[in-house]
């Protein structure tokens, strides 16, 4: 009978395990493992009205082709309860308005025409800075209406 023994260095084992974990993570990223929520096509440009309309349509909304309102607004420099609540909605969508405190941004408001069960107007607001969406919402103006993120309720549409 032949018996072979080897000395194992704990540092080498830990190093090999870390390298193996890094290699597995790299392979997962390269091979597209997991859920991919990023759009496969280039995102539409927010510099144009067509791009902004397409952005909202990507969430399943139908809307008037031109904004009902547009203009510059300034993101507050200091937080308040109202700002914190609104920014919590933005953070739930992957945005964070606190990064733009004190900045003037463009605000575009579009009328939504396919909001389920709406009896009063519903508007989508886009906040755009340097041709990038930095936040926004969809607001049902009914007395019991809600302010929500871009994603349609009950929709599997990915974020824009």
N, C-alpha and C. Protein backbone atom coordinates (compact mmCIF):
# COMPACT_ATOMS: atom_id res chain seq x y z
N UNK A 1 0.83 -1.16 0.00
CA UNK A 1 0.00 0.00 0.00
C UNK A 1 0.89 1.24 0.00
N UNK A 2 0.50 2.22 -0.79
CA UNK A 2 1.28 3.43 -0.95
C UNK A 2 0.47 4.60 -0.38
N UNK A 3 1.03 5.37 0.55
CA UNK A 3 0.34 6.50 1.18
C UNK A 3 1.14 7.76 0.87
N UNK A 4 0.41 8.78 0.41
CA UNK A 4 1.07 10.04 0.08
C UNK A 4 0.50 11.12 1.00
N UNK A 5 1.33 11.94 1.55
CA UNK A 5 0.89 13.03 2.42
C UNK A 5 1.40 14.34 1.85
N UNK A 6 0.66 15.39 2.16
CA UNK A 6 1.07 16.72 1.71
C UNK A 6 0.81 17.72 2.82
N UNK A 7 1.65 18.70 2.88
CA UNK A 7 1.45 19.78 3.84
C UNK A 7 0.62 20.85 3.19
N UNK A 8 -0.41 21.26 3.88
CA UNK A 8 -1.31 22.27 3.33
C UNK A 8 -1.15 23.56 4.12
N UNK A 9 -0.93 24.65 3.39
CA UNK A 9 -0.78 25.96 3.99
C UNK A 9 -2.15 26.64 3.94
N UNK A 10 -2.65 27.08 5.11
CA UNK A 10 -3.98 27.69 5.18
C UNK A 10 -4.06 28.95 4.33
N UNK A 11 -3.00 29.73 4.26
CA UNK A 11 -3.01 30.95 3.45
C UNK A 11 -3.19 30.62 1.97
N UNK A 12 -2.54 29.55 1.52
CA UNK A 12 -2.68 29.15 0.12
C UNK A 12 -4.10 28.69 -0.18
N UNK A 13 -4.72 27.97 0.74
CA UNK A 13 -6.10 27.51 0.54
C UNK A 13 -7.05 28.70 0.46
N UNK A 14 -6.91 29.64 1.37
CA UNK A 14 -7.76 30.83 1.37
C UNK A 14 -7.56 31.61 0.07
N UNK A 15 -6.32 31.75 -0.36
CA UNK A 15 -6.02 32.45 -1.61
C UNK A 15 -6.64 31.76 -2.81
N UNK A 16 -6.55 30.43 -2.84
CA UNK A 16 -7.14 29.67 -3.95
C UNK A 16 -8.67 29.79 -3.94
N UNK A 17 -9.28 29.74 -2.77
CA UNK A 17 -10.74 29.90 -2.68
C UNK A 17 -11.18 31.28 -3.13
N UNK A 18 -10.43 32.31 -2.74
CA UNK A 18 -10.76 33.68 -3.16
C UNK A 18 -10.61 33.83 -4.67
N UNK A 19 -9.56 33.26 -5.23
CA UNK A 19 -9.36 33.33 -6.68
C UNK A 19 -10.47 32.58 -7.41
N UNK A 20 -10.88 31.43 -6.88
CA UNK A 20 -11.96 30.66 -7.50
C UNK A 20 -13.27 31.45 -7.44
N UNK A 21 -13.55 32.09 -6.31
CA UNK A 21 -14.77 32.89 -6.18
C UNK A 21 -14.76 34.05 -7.16
N UNK A 22 -13.61 34.71 -7.32
CA UNK A 22 -13.50 35.83 -8.25
C UNK A 22 -13.70 35.34 -9.69
N UNK A 23 -13.16 34.19 -10.02
CA UNK A 23 -13.32 33.63 -11.35
C UNK A 23 -14.79 33.28 -11.63
N UNK A 24 -15.46 32.71 -10.65
CA UNK A 24 -16.88 32.38 -10.82
C UNK A 24 -17.71 33.64 -11.00
N UNK A 25 -17.43 34.68 -10.21
CA UNK A 25 -18.15 35.95 -10.34
C UNK A 25 -17.92 36.56 -11.72
N UNK A 26 -16.69 36.52 -12.20
CA UNK A 26 -16.37 37.04 -13.52
C UNK A 26 -17.11 36.27 -14.61
N UNK A 27 -17.15 34.95 -14.50
CA UNK A 27 -17.85 34.14 -15.48
C UNK A 27 -19.35 34.43 -15.49
N UNK A 28 -19.93 34.63 -14.31
CA UNK A 28 -21.36 34.94 -14.23
C UNK A 28 -21.63 36.27 -14.92
N UNK A 29 -20.79 37.27 -14.68
CA UNK A 29 -20.99 38.57 -15.31
C UNK A 29 -20.82 38.48 -16.82
N UNK A 30 -19.80 37.77 -17.28
CA UNK A 30 -19.54 37.68 -18.71
C UNK A 30 -20.59 36.85 -19.45
N UNK A 31 -21.08 35.81 -18.80
CA UNK A 31 -22.04 34.93 -19.46
C UNK A 31 -23.47 35.36 -19.22
N UNK A 32 -23.67 36.45 -18.49
CA UNK A 32 -25.01 37.00 -18.32
C UNK A 32 -25.87 36.22 -17.36
N UNK A 33 -25.28 35.61 -16.38
CA UNK A 33 -26.07 34.88 -15.39
C UNK A 33 -26.90 35.82 -14.57
N UNK A 34 -27.96 35.33 -14.01
CA UNK A 34 -28.85 36.14 -13.19
C UNK A 34 -29.79 36.95 -14.04
N UNK A 35 -30.65 37.71 -13.37
CA UNK A 35 -31.64 38.51 -14.05
C UNK A 35 -30.99 39.77 -14.59
N UNK A 36 -31.19 40.05 -15.85
CA UNK A 36 -30.66 41.24 -16.48
C UNK A 36 -31.78 42.25 -16.61
N UNK A 37 -31.73 43.34 -15.82
CA UNK A 37 -32.78 44.34 -15.87
C UNK A 37 -32.39 45.52 -16.76
N UNK A 38 -31.17 45.54 -17.26
CA UNK A 38 -30.75 46.62 -18.13
C UNK A 38 -31.37 46.45 -19.51
N UNK A 39 -31.74 47.54 -20.15
CA UNK A 39 -32.30 47.42 -21.48
C UNK A 39 -31.25 46.89 -22.45
N UNK A 40 -31.69 46.13 -23.43
CA UNK A 40 -30.74 45.55 -24.39
C UNK A 40 -30.36 46.56 -25.45
N UNK A 41 -31.21 47.50 -25.76
CA UNK A 41 -30.90 48.53 -26.73
C UNK A 41 -30.39 49.76 -26.01
N UNK A 42 -29.73 50.63 -26.77
CA UNK A 42 -29.26 51.88 -26.16
C UNK A 42 -30.47 52.66 -25.66
N UNK A 43 -30.36 53.27 -24.47
CA UNK A 43 -31.50 54.03 -23.96
C UNK A 43 -31.77 55.24 -24.84
N UNK A 44 -33.03 55.64 -24.92
CA UNK A 44 -33.33 56.81 -25.75
C UNK A 44 -32.70 58.06 -25.17
N UNK A 45 -32.38 59.02 -26.04
CA UNK A 45 -31.77 60.27 -25.59
C UNK A 45 -32.83 61.17 -24.97
N UNK A 46 -32.53 61.70 -23.81
CA UNK A 46 -33.47 62.59 -23.14
C UNK A 46 -33.36 64.02 -23.67
N UNK A 47 -32.45 64.24 -24.63
CA UNK A 47 -32.28 65.56 -25.22
C UNK A 47 -33.43 65.88 -26.18
N UNK A 48 -34.15 64.86 -26.61
CA UNK A 48 -35.23 65.08 -27.57
C UNK A 48 -36.58 64.68 -26.96
N UNK A 49 -37.63 65.30 -27.46
CA UNK A 49 -38.98 64.93 -27.02
C UNK A 49 -39.27 63.48 -27.36
N UNK A 50 -38.87 63.05 -28.55
CA UNK A 50 -39.10 61.66 -28.94
C UNK A 50 -38.43 60.69 -27.98
N UNK A 51 -37.23 61.01 -27.53
CA UNK A 51 -36.54 60.16 -26.57
C UNK A 51 -37.26 60.09 -25.24
N UNK A 52 -37.76 61.22 -24.76
CA UNK A 52 -38.48 61.24 -23.49
C UNK A 52 -39.80 60.47 -23.59
N UNK A 53 -40.50 60.64 -24.72
CA UNK A 53 -41.74 59.89 -24.93
C UNK A 53 -41.45 58.40 -24.98
N UNK A 54 -40.40 58.01 -25.68
CA UNK A 54 -40.03 56.59 -25.77
C UNK A 54 -39.66 56.04 -24.41
N UNK A 55 -38.96 56.82 -23.60
CA UNK A 55 -38.60 56.39 -22.24
C UNK A 55 -39.86 55.99 -21.48
N UNK A 56 -40.89 56.83 -21.50
CA UNK A 56 -42.13 56.53 -20.78
C UNK A 56 -42.88 55.37 -21.43
N UNK A 57 -42.86 55.29 -22.75
CA UNK A 57 -43.52 54.17 -23.43
C UNK A 57 -42.86 52.84 -23.08
N UNK A 58 -41.56 52.86 -22.77
CA UNK A 58 -40.86 51.64 -22.37
C UNK A 58 -41.45 51.03 -21.11
N UNK A 59 -42.16 51.83 -20.33
CA UNK A 59 -42.83 51.34 -19.12
C UNK A 59 -44.27 50.94 -19.40
N UNK A 60 -44.71 51.04 -20.64
CA UNK A 60 -46.06 50.65 -21.01
C UNK A 60 -47.07 51.79 -21.01
N UNK A 61 -46.61 53.02 -20.80
CA UNK A 61 -47.53 54.15 -20.78
C UNK A 61 -47.80 54.65 -22.19
N UNK A 62 -49.03 55.06 -22.42
CA UNK A 62 -49.40 55.79 -23.64
C UNK A 62 -49.59 57.22 -23.19
N UNK A 63 -49.14 58.17 -24.01
CA UNK A 63 -49.18 59.55 -23.59
C UNK A 63 -49.29 60.50 -24.76
N UNK A 64 -49.68 61.73 -24.45
CA UNK A 64 -49.71 62.78 -25.45
C UNK A 64 -48.29 62.98 -25.97
N UNK A 65 -48.15 63.28 -27.26
CA UNK A 65 -46.84 63.35 -27.89
C UNK A 65 -46.01 64.56 -27.45
N UNK A 66 -46.65 65.56 -26.90
CA UNK A 66 -45.92 66.76 -26.45
C UNK A 66 -46.16 66.98 -24.96
N UNK A 67 -45.18 67.52 -24.27
CA UNK A 67 -45.38 67.78 -22.85
C UNK A 67 -46.44 68.86 -22.64
N UNK A 68 -47.21 68.73 -21.57
CA UNK A 68 -48.18 69.77 -21.22
C UNK A 68 -47.48 70.89 -20.47
N UNK A 69 -46.30 70.61 -19.98
CA UNK A 69 -45.53 71.62 -19.25
C UNK A 69 -44.06 71.23 -19.29
N UNK A 70 -43.20 72.23 -19.38
CA UNK A 70 -41.76 71.98 -19.27
C UNK A 70 -41.11 73.26 -18.75
N UNK A 71 -40.02 73.08 -18.06
CA UNK A 71 -39.28 74.22 -17.52
C UNK A 71 -38.25 73.77 -16.51
N UNK A 72 -37.44 74.72 -16.09
CA UNK A 72 -36.40 74.40 -15.12
C UNK A 72 -36.96 74.46 -13.71
N UNK A 73 -36.49 73.53 -12.89
CA UNK A 73 -36.76 73.54 -11.46
C UNK A 73 -35.43 73.34 -10.75
N UNK A 74 -35.37 73.79 -9.52
CA UNK A 74 -34.14 73.64 -8.74
C UNK A 74 -34.37 72.57 -7.67
N UNK A 75 -33.46 71.61 -7.63
CA UNK A 75 -33.51 70.59 -6.58
C UNK A 75 -33.12 71.28 -5.28
N UNK A 76 -33.90 71.11 -4.21
CA UNK A 76 -33.59 71.80 -2.94
C UNK A 76 -32.19 71.46 -2.43
N UNK A 77 -31.55 72.48 -1.86
CA UNK A 77 -30.20 72.28 -1.31
C UNK A 77 -30.24 71.57 0.03
N UNK A 78 -31.32 71.78 0.78
CA UNK A 78 -31.42 71.12 2.08
C UNK A 78 -32.67 70.24 2.10
N UNK A 79 -32.55 69.15 2.79
CA UNK A 79 -33.64 68.17 2.84
C UNK A 79 -34.78 68.69 3.71
N UNK A 80 -35.98 68.18 3.41
CA UNK A 80 -37.17 68.45 4.21
C UNK A 80 -37.96 67.15 4.25
N UNK A 81 -38.99 67.12 5.05
CA UNK A 81 -39.81 65.90 5.13
C UNK A 81 -40.42 65.57 3.77
N UNK A 82 -40.91 66.59 3.06
CA UNK A 82 -41.51 66.37 1.74
C UNK A 82 -40.46 65.87 0.76
N UNK A 83 -39.29 66.51 0.74
CA UNK A 83 -38.22 66.08 -0.15
C UNK A 83 -37.80 64.65 0.16
N UNK A 84 -37.64 64.33 1.44
CA UNK A 84 -37.21 62.99 1.83
C UNK A 84 -38.21 61.93 1.37
N UNK A 85 -39.51 62.23 1.50
CA UNK A 85 -40.54 61.28 1.04
C UNK A 85 -40.47 61.09 -0.47
N UNK A 86 -40.34 62.20 -1.20
CA UNK A 86 -40.26 62.11 -2.66
C UNK A 86 -38.98 61.40 -3.09
N UNK A 87 -37.88 61.71 -2.41
CA UNK A 87 -36.62 61.06 -2.77
C UNK A 87 -36.63 59.57 -2.44
N UNK A 88 -37.41 59.16 -1.44
CA UNK A 88 -37.54 57.73 -1.15
C UNK A 88 -38.17 57.02 -2.35
N UNK A 89 -39.17 57.67 -2.97
CA UNK A 89 -39.76 57.10 -4.20
C UNK A 89 -38.70 57.02 -5.29
N UNK A 90 -37.89 58.07 -5.42
CA UNK A 90 -36.85 58.06 -6.45
C UNK A 90 -35.83 56.95 -6.19
N UNK A 91 -35.44 56.78 -4.95
CA UNK A 91 -34.47 55.73 -4.61
C UNK A 91 -35.03 54.35 -4.91
N UNK A 92 -36.35 54.17 -4.75
CA UNK A 92 -36.96 52.88 -5.06
C UNK A 92 -36.89 52.57 -6.55
N UNK A 93 -36.67 53.60 -7.37
CA UNK A 93 -36.55 53.43 -8.82
C UNK A 93 -35.09 53.43 -9.28
N UNK A 94 -34.17 53.60 -8.34
CA UNK A 94 -32.76 53.62 -8.71
C UNK A 94 -32.19 55.02 -8.93
N UNK A 95 -32.93 56.04 -8.53
CA UNK A 95 -32.46 57.42 -8.66
C UNK A 95 -32.23 57.98 -7.25
N UNK A 96 -31.50 59.10 -7.18
CA UNK A 96 -31.28 59.77 -5.89
C UNK A 96 -31.10 61.25 -6.15
N UNK A 97 -32.13 62.01 -5.85
CA UNK A 97 -32.10 63.45 -6.12
C UNK A 97 -31.14 64.21 -5.22
N UNK A 98 -30.77 63.64 -4.08
CA UNK A 98 -29.85 64.36 -3.19
C UNK A 98 -28.50 64.61 -3.85
N UNK A 99 -28.16 63.81 -4.84
CA UNK A 99 -26.91 64.01 -5.58
C UNK A 99 -26.94 65.29 -6.41
N UNK A 100 -28.15 65.83 -6.63
CA UNK A 100 -28.32 67.00 -7.48
C UNK A 100 -28.77 68.23 -6.67
N UNK A 101 -28.55 68.21 -5.36
CA UNK A 101 -28.97 69.31 -4.49
C UNK A 101 -28.41 70.63 -5.00
N UNK A 102 -29.31 71.62 -5.14
CA UNK A 102 -28.92 72.95 -5.59
C UNK A 102 -28.81 73.10 -7.10
N UNK A 103 -28.96 72.02 -7.85
CA UNK A 103 -28.83 72.07 -9.31
C UNK A 103 -30.17 72.43 -9.96
N UNK A 104 -30.10 73.16 -11.07
CA UNK A 104 -31.28 73.43 -11.89
C UNK A 104 -31.40 72.29 -12.88
N UNK A 105 -32.57 71.66 -12.95
CA UNK A 105 -32.80 70.54 -13.85
C UNK A 105 -34.06 70.83 -14.68
N UNK A 106 -34.19 70.14 -15.78
CA UNK A 106 -35.39 70.29 -16.61
C UNK A 106 -36.48 69.35 -16.12
N UNK A 107 -37.70 69.87 -16.11
CA UNK A 107 -38.87 69.09 -15.70
C UNK A 107 -39.82 69.05 -16.89
N UNK A 108 -40.18 67.85 -17.31
CA UNK A 108 -41.11 67.64 -18.42
C UNK A 108 -42.31 66.89 -17.88
N UNK A 109 -43.51 67.37 -18.18
CA UNK A 109 -44.74 66.75 -17.70
C UNK A 109 -45.57 66.32 -18.91
N UNK A 110 -45.93 65.03 -18.95
CA UNK A 110 -46.72 64.47 -20.04
C UNK A 110 -48.03 63.92 -19.49
N UNK A 111 -49.09 64.05 -20.27
CA UNK A 111 -50.38 63.49 -19.88
C UNK A 111 -50.43 62.03 -20.29
N UNK A 112 -50.71 61.17 -19.31
CA UNK A 112 -50.85 59.72 -19.54
C UNK A 112 -52.29 59.46 -20.00
N UNK A 113 -52.43 58.64 -21.04
CA UNK A 113 -53.77 58.36 -21.56
C UNK A 113 -54.25 56.94 -21.31
N UNK A 114 -53.42 56.10 -20.72
CA UNK A 114 -53.85 54.70 -20.50
C UNK A 114 -53.69 54.26 -19.04
N UNK A 115 -53.88 55.17 -18.11
CA UNK A 115 -53.77 54.81 -16.69
C UNK A 115 -55.02 54.01 -16.32
N UNK A 116 -54.87 52.81 -15.79
CA UNK A 116 -56.02 51.95 -15.49
C UNK A 116 -57.01 52.58 -14.51
N UNK A 117 -58.26 52.70 -14.94
CA UNK A 117 -59.34 53.18 -14.08
C UNK A 117 -59.32 54.66 -13.78
N UNK A 118 -58.50 55.44 -14.46
CA UNK A 118 -58.39 56.87 -14.16
C UNK A 118 -59.64 57.61 -14.61
N UNK A 119 -60.16 58.46 -13.73
CA UNK A 119 -61.28 59.33 -14.08
C UNK A 119 -60.83 60.78 -14.14
N UNK A 120 -59.70 61.09 -13.51
CA UNK A 120 -59.10 62.42 -13.53
C UNK A 120 -57.76 62.32 -14.27
N UNK A 121 -57.22 63.46 -14.67
CA UNK A 121 -55.95 63.41 -15.41
C UNK A 121 -54.82 62.73 -14.63
N UNK A 122 -53.95 62.08 -15.36
CA UNK A 122 -52.76 61.43 -14.81
C UNK A 122 -51.57 61.96 -15.59
N UNK A 123 -50.53 62.34 -14.86
CA UNK A 123 -49.36 62.95 -15.49
C UNK A 123 -48.09 62.20 -15.12
N UNK A 124 -47.18 62.13 -16.10
CA UNK A 124 -45.84 61.59 -15.86
C UNK A 124 -44.88 62.78 -15.86
N UNK A 125 -44.06 62.85 -14.84
CA UNK A 125 -43.06 63.92 -14.73
C UNK A 125 -41.68 63.30 -14.87
N UNK A 126 -40.88 63.87 -15.75
CA UNK A 126 -39.49 63.46 -15.91
C UNK A 126 -38.59 64.59 -15.44
N UNK A 127 -37.61 64.27 -14.62
CA UNK A 127 -36.59 65.23 -14.22
C UNK A 127 -35.31 64.84 -14.97
N UNK A 128 -34.77 65.79 -15.74
CA UNK A 128 -33.65 65.50 -16.63
C UNK A 128 -32.52 66.49 -16.34
N UNK A 129 -31.32 65.93 -16.19
CA UNK A 129 -30.12 66.74 -15.97
C UNK A 129 -29.05 66.24 -16.93
N UNK A 130 -28.50 67.15 -17.73
CA UNK A 130 -27.47 66.79 -18.72
C UNK A 130 -27.92 65.61 -19.57
N UNK A 131 -29.14 65.68 -20.07
CA UNK A 131 -29.72 64.67 -20.97
C UNK A 131 -29.83 63.28 -20.35
N UNK A 132 -29.91 63.21 -19.02
CA UNK A 132 -30.10 61.95 -18.32
C UNK A 132 -31.29 62.08 -17.38
N UNK A 133 -32.15 61.05 -17.34
CA UNK A 133 -33.24 61.04 -16.37
C UNK A 133 -32.63 60.87 -15.00
N UNK A 134 -32.99 61.77 -14.07
CA UNK A 134 -32.48 61.66 -12.70
C UNK A 134 -33.61 61.36 -11.72
N UNK A 135 -34.85 61.31 -12.23
CA UNK A 135 -35.98 61.02 -11.37
C UNK A 135 -37.28 61.36 -12.06
N UNK A 136 -38.35 61.17 -11.33
CA UNK A 136 -39.67 61.48 -11.85
C UNK A 136 -40.72 60.58 -11.24
N UNK A 137 -41.96 60.75 -11.72
CA UNK A 137 -43.06 60.00 -11.15
C UNK A 137 -44.24 59.98 -12.11
N UNK A 138 -45.24 59.20 -11.74
CA UNK A 138 -46.54 59.19 -12.40
C UNK A 138 -47.54 59.55 -11.31
N UNK A 139 -48.34 60.60 -11.56
CA UNK A 139 -49.26 61.11 -10.55
C UNK A 139 -50.69 61.05 -11.04
N UNK A 140 -51.54 60.35 -10.30
CA UNK A 140 -52.98 60.32 -10.54
C UNK A 140 -53.56 61.48 -9.74
N UNK A 141 -54.17 62.46 -10.42
CA UNK A 141 -54.63 63.67 -9.74
C UNK A 141 -56.00 63.51 -9.08
N UNK A 142 -56.59 62.33 -9.11
CA UNK A 142 -57.88 62.10 -8.44
C UNK A 142 -57.71 62.33 -6.94
N UNK A 143 -58.82 62.60 -6.26
CA UNK A 143 -58.79 62.87 -4.82
C UNK A 143 -58.11 61.74 -4.05
N UNK A 144 -58.29 60.50 -4.47
CA UNK A 144 -57.65 59.36 -3.81
C UNK A 144 -56.51 58.80 -4.66
N UNK A 145 -56.01 59.64 -5.59
CA UNK A 145 -54.94 59.21 -6.50
C UNK A 145 -53.62 59.05 -5.77
N UNK A 146 -52.69 58.43 -6.44
CA UNK A 146 -51.39 58.16 -5.85
C UNK A 146 -50.27 58.72 -6.72
N UNK A 147 -49.14 58.92 -6.09
CA UNK A 147 -47.90 59.24 -6.80
C UNK A 147 -47.07 57.97 -6.77
N UNK A 148 -46.64 57.52 -7.92
CA UNK A 148 -45.89 56.26 -8.02
C UNK A 148 -44.70 56.44 -8.93
N UNK A 149 -43.86 55.42 -8.97
CA UNK A 149 -42.72 55.41 -9.88
C UNK A 149 -43.17 55.19 -11.31
N UNK A 150 -42.21 55.14 -12.21
CA UNK A 150 -42.51 55.00 -13.64
C UNK A 150 -43.16 53.66 -13.98
N UNK A 151 -42.79 52.62 -13.25
CA UNK A 151 -43.28 51.28 -13.57
C UNK A 151 -44.78 51.19 -13.34
N UNK A 152 -45.49 50.67 -14.35
CA UNK A 152 -46.94 50.49 -14.21
C UNK A 152 -47.21 49.44 -13.14
N UNK A 153 -48.21 49.67 -12.31
CA UNK A 153 -48.60 48.70 -11.30
C UNK A 153 -49.01 47.42 -11.99
N UNK A 154 -48.51 46.30 -11.47
CA UNK A 154 -48.84 44.99 -12.05
C UNK A 154 -48.12 44.71 -13.34
N UNK A 155 -47.12 45.54 -13.69
CA UNK A 155 -46.39 45.37 -14.93
C UNK A 155 -45.04 44.75 -14.67
N UNK A 156 -44.60 43.94 -15.61
CA UNK A 156 -43.26 43.35 -15.53
C UNK A 156 -42.28 44.13 -16.39
N UNK A 157 -42.70 45.33 -16.84
CA UNK A 157 -41.86 46.14 -17.71
C UNK A 157 -40.61 46.59 -16.95
N UNK A 158 -39.41 46.39 -17.52
CA UNK A 158 -38.21 46.82 -16.83
C UNK A 158 -38.11 48.32 -16.77
N UNK A 159 -37.33 48.82 -15.80
CA UNK A 159 -37.10 50.26 -15.72
C UNK A 159 -36.28 50.72 -16.89
N UNK A 160 -36.50 51.99 -17.25
CA UNK A 160 -35.88 52.59 -18.42
C UNK A 160 -34.48 52.90 -18.21
